[in-house]
């Protein structure tokens, strides 16, 4: 078994203007080498190419993937210009690469990303990591078909992590990447390197940094600094668990860094990032940590500065924007449509979204913006369609509905929980506490229905379900890992980034603005109009709550004895967001790791590490009304395939 890495940086472009040169790329290359090569970190045998010509690069790619063994880990990294042809296929820009007058790449002068696809597919290595720090890098995943993906790999945890592929990209298929204002590295590579070098990307503190942990750490940091930039992650099969690097454990500096990270993450509204000052309580807490863990004052200060850096840079960008808006609006008579366009361009150069700068936009600018955009094509950031349909082939469709931004109270109150615990003598209800507010800051699309057997068949080519009674029945007997395989095939086909919902997104979408036990109210007697559950999913109507309360030992036998089962999706009444079967039919996997309470408050982002237990929401055909409520939480191991578990997908608009 070996670990092999090819790192490529292209900083000089003969046919591009001075402002389009990328001096950071050469430094990116060296920084990645410094964390991937040392035995105590990445442990890779590293080859570096700085400004290679096309032939040299393609031979190096060929050699990287050829003659590898199954257990080898192979990593390819590219920092430079990503370019596209007329069909929007991705090319890696090289020093001699040329473009036409419309900035479309001239193909013979660049390396086609499909050549890399080909070498990846031909390699025997079962652990492949691709990291692309370039514009349009998300396009790399489109059309990439996994080698032997019809067969399921035997994925077992070991020192190398999972088997498969992990594709990490700095941007979407349509997006430019951003430079880093306060570093010699690109923003994406800066946080990749930081996560490995400091061990901060070891989210579950197991001493290893997996591909998904590295992505999640980097994505969070970039979102803090430049929220308009959208790094992407495309794992194939078990690729999300491939170990990229070791991480130090038991180190006081690592321990202190993680404490600061958690504090900043939870209390960022109370911190002055420009001045670099914590509030009094957090400052006192950190001082105690520093003393008890033996962290030198200079070391602590350096860690705090580094952790707060993305927040500080974002605040500085917002301040810049505020100053420019103020100057631009001092003379209202001078405000023109072209001024608004200039402001928009300045906003985009800072990597800020519309919602980030909304507080700085006075009414007169908003009016001009509306007038200007009414004459121009709609931008991606403007009003989105309330739904869309994805064609999966052979007439199979995936219907998605828009879930707007908002806030809600997640979980249930202590009083309501204790009533349920007392009545049913089951402590599992306490998983729903403490109740807390969650802000859904970004709109997203969610599947109108649970993923059906027909949709699964269209994407995966098989049907694992126990109840194979029609294409419109929900797919079940799919594990959390199986769902990720489905997404790994779906995303390259569609060019989108479908995913599992976070637990917070799921409950927000289920509630659809309600605060009651169910999305229609508190009366469980009405549940049959909205859900398939144990009372109505079998041959006869039964009282499953009473069975559970008085005869729990025979609950399963009595439910199965009534021939309870799944039913076609969409037959019951939807909620206010037009989502069907959010209560019952099948439990739905969420992306999150399971914890038995909300002591760590949830956000829109998934609560994840690399844990085995994953969250389930919504209840199922075999469960009583109390376990089909909006707030109900359950869990199971990521690899199990019961006939009560399915899923639905979400996608964040770009």
Foldseek 3Di string as FASTA:
>chain_A
DAEAEEEEFAFAAQADDPVQGRQQRVVLRVLVCVQCCDCQKNVHPYDYYYQDFPVVVLVVLLVQQPPDAQAYAGEYEYHHEWAAAPVLFTWGAGRHWDADPVRHTPPVRTHGLVSSLVSNLPGNYQAYEYEYEYFLQQLSLAPRDWHPQLDADPFDDDPFWGGFYKYKYFAANHGGAAADPPDSHRLQSVLLSVCRVLVVLQPVQPQFHFQLSSRVRSQVLCCLQQVLTGMDMQTAQRNRTGTRIGGDHPQLLSVLLNVLLLCCVVPVVQADLQVLGHPPVVVVVSVVSCVVSVPDPVSSSVSSNVSSVSNNNNVVLLVVLLVVLCVQPPPVVPDALVVLVVSVVSCVNSNHACVSNVVSDDPSSVVRVVVNVVPPPDDLRDDDDQKDWDDLDPPDIWIKGKDDWDKDWFFDDPVVLVVVCVQLVDPLSQLRDDIDMETRPAMWIWTLKFQFQLSCCSQNVDAPAPPPPDRQWHGFQAFLSNVSNSQSRVCSPRSFRKDFFALVVLLCVQCVPHDAQGVVHPDLVCCVQAEQAQQPQFPHGDQLSVCSRPPVVCLVVVSVVRVGAADGWPPHDGHPSSHGHLAARAWAWGPEADDSHCPPPDYRDHHHRPDQKTKTAQYYNSDHSSCRTSNHIDIDGRGGTDNRYGHIIMGGRD
